[in-house]
Amino acid sequence: MREKTDEARIVESKPAPLPVKGSMVAASAVAYVMVEKFQMYSPLYRLEQYWKSRGVDLNRNTDTTCFTAV
């Protein structure tokens, strides 16, 4: 039986694998772009404008690369 203490035990986990090999794009960003593109029918130029308004400089080639890599 373990002794009870007031100390917190911190456990580090391994980072989740990236969805696009060789890229720093997060899974949530890929999911967002795919939902906007294929479910909401947003054109890539509009998604490009969305990311640019939030300070992320992406071009349509990057978006397209994410689709084909996933």
Protein backbone atom coordinates (compact mmCIF):
# COMPACT_ATOMS: atom_id res chain seq x y z
CA MET A 1 0.00 0.00 0.00
CA ARG A 2 1.29 3.44 -0.90
CA GLU A 3 1.82 6.10 1.68
CA LYS A 4 -0.39 9.18 1.18
CA THR A 5 1.42 12.47 0.69
CA ASP A 6 0.50 16.00 -0.33
CA GLU A 7 2.92 15.91 -3.26
CA ALA A 8 1.53 15.80 -6.78
CA ARG A 9 2.89 13.18 -9.15
CA ILE A 10 3.65 14.55 -12.61
CA VAL A 11 3.70 12.10 -15.49
CA GLU A 12 4.97 13.18 -18.91
CA SER A 13 3.45 11.55 -21.95
CA LYS A 14 4.86 11.26 -25.42
CA PRO A 15 3.61 13.88 -27.89
CA ALA A 16 0.89 12.79 -30.29
CA PRO A 17 2.15 11.93 -33.78
CA LEU A 18 1.70 14.67 -36.37
CA PRO A 19 -0.89 13.92 -39.07
CA VAL A 20 1.32 15.16 -41.92
CA LYS A 21 4.82 13.71 -41.88
CA GLY A 22 7.54 16.37 -42.04
CA SER A 23 5.13 19.16 -41.10
CA MET A 24 4.33 21.04 -37.91
CA VAL A 25 0.59 21.20 -38.64
CA ALA A 26 -1.62 20.03 -35.77
CA ALA A 27 -4.38 17.48 -36.18
CA SER A 28 -6.97 20.04 -35.10
CA ALA A 29 -5.91 22.44 -37.86
CA VAL A 30 -6.13 19.70 -40.50
CA ALA A 31 -9.56 18.69 -39.18
CA TYR A 32 -10.78 22.29 -39.27
CA VAL A 33 -9.64 22.83 -42.86
CA MET A 34 -11.14 19.53 -44.02
CA VAL A 35 -14.52 20.22 -42.40
CA GLU A 36 -14.63 23.74 -43.83
CA LYS A 37 -13.64 22.52 -47.29
CA PHE A 38 -15.68 19.34 -47.65
CA GLN A 39 -18.65 19.80 -45.31
CA MET A 40 -19.15 23.57 -45.42
CA TYR A 41 -17.98 23.91 -49.08
CA SER A 42 -15.63 26.80 -48.31
CA PRO A 43 -13.24 27.55 -51.17
CA LEU A 44 -9.54 27.42 -50.39
CA TYR A 45 -9.07 31.14 -51.03
CA ARG A 46 -11.56 31.84 -48.23
CA LEU A 47 -9.74 29.50 -45.86
CA GLU A 48 -6.49 31.22 -46.80
CA GLN A 49 -8.07 34.57 -45.84
CA TYR A 50 -9.33 33.10 -42.54
CA TRP A 51 -5.86 31.92 -41.49
CA LYS A 52 -4.25 35.18 -42.65
CA SER A 53 -6.68 37.21 -40.48
CA ARG A 54 -5.42 35.19 -37.51
CA GLY A 55 -1.76 35.83 -38.27
CA VAL A 56 -0.99 32.50 -39.98
CA ASP A 57 0.52 32.88 -43.43
CA LEU A 58 -0.63 29.85 -45.43
CA ASN A 59 -1.14 29.54 -49.12
CA ARG A 60 -3.49 27.24 -51.01
CA ASN A 61 -0.66 24.86 -51.89
CA THR A 62 -0.15 24.17 -48.19
CA ASP A 63 -3.86 23.42 -47.73
CA THR A 64 -3.85 21.11 -50.73
CA THR A 65 -0.76 19.30 -49.43
CA CYS A 66 -2.56 18.63 -46.14
CA PHE A 67 -5.49 17.02 -47.98
CA THR A 68 -3.36 14.72 -50.06
CA ALA A 69 -1.07 13.74 -47.17
CA VAL A 70 -3.93 12.74 -44.88
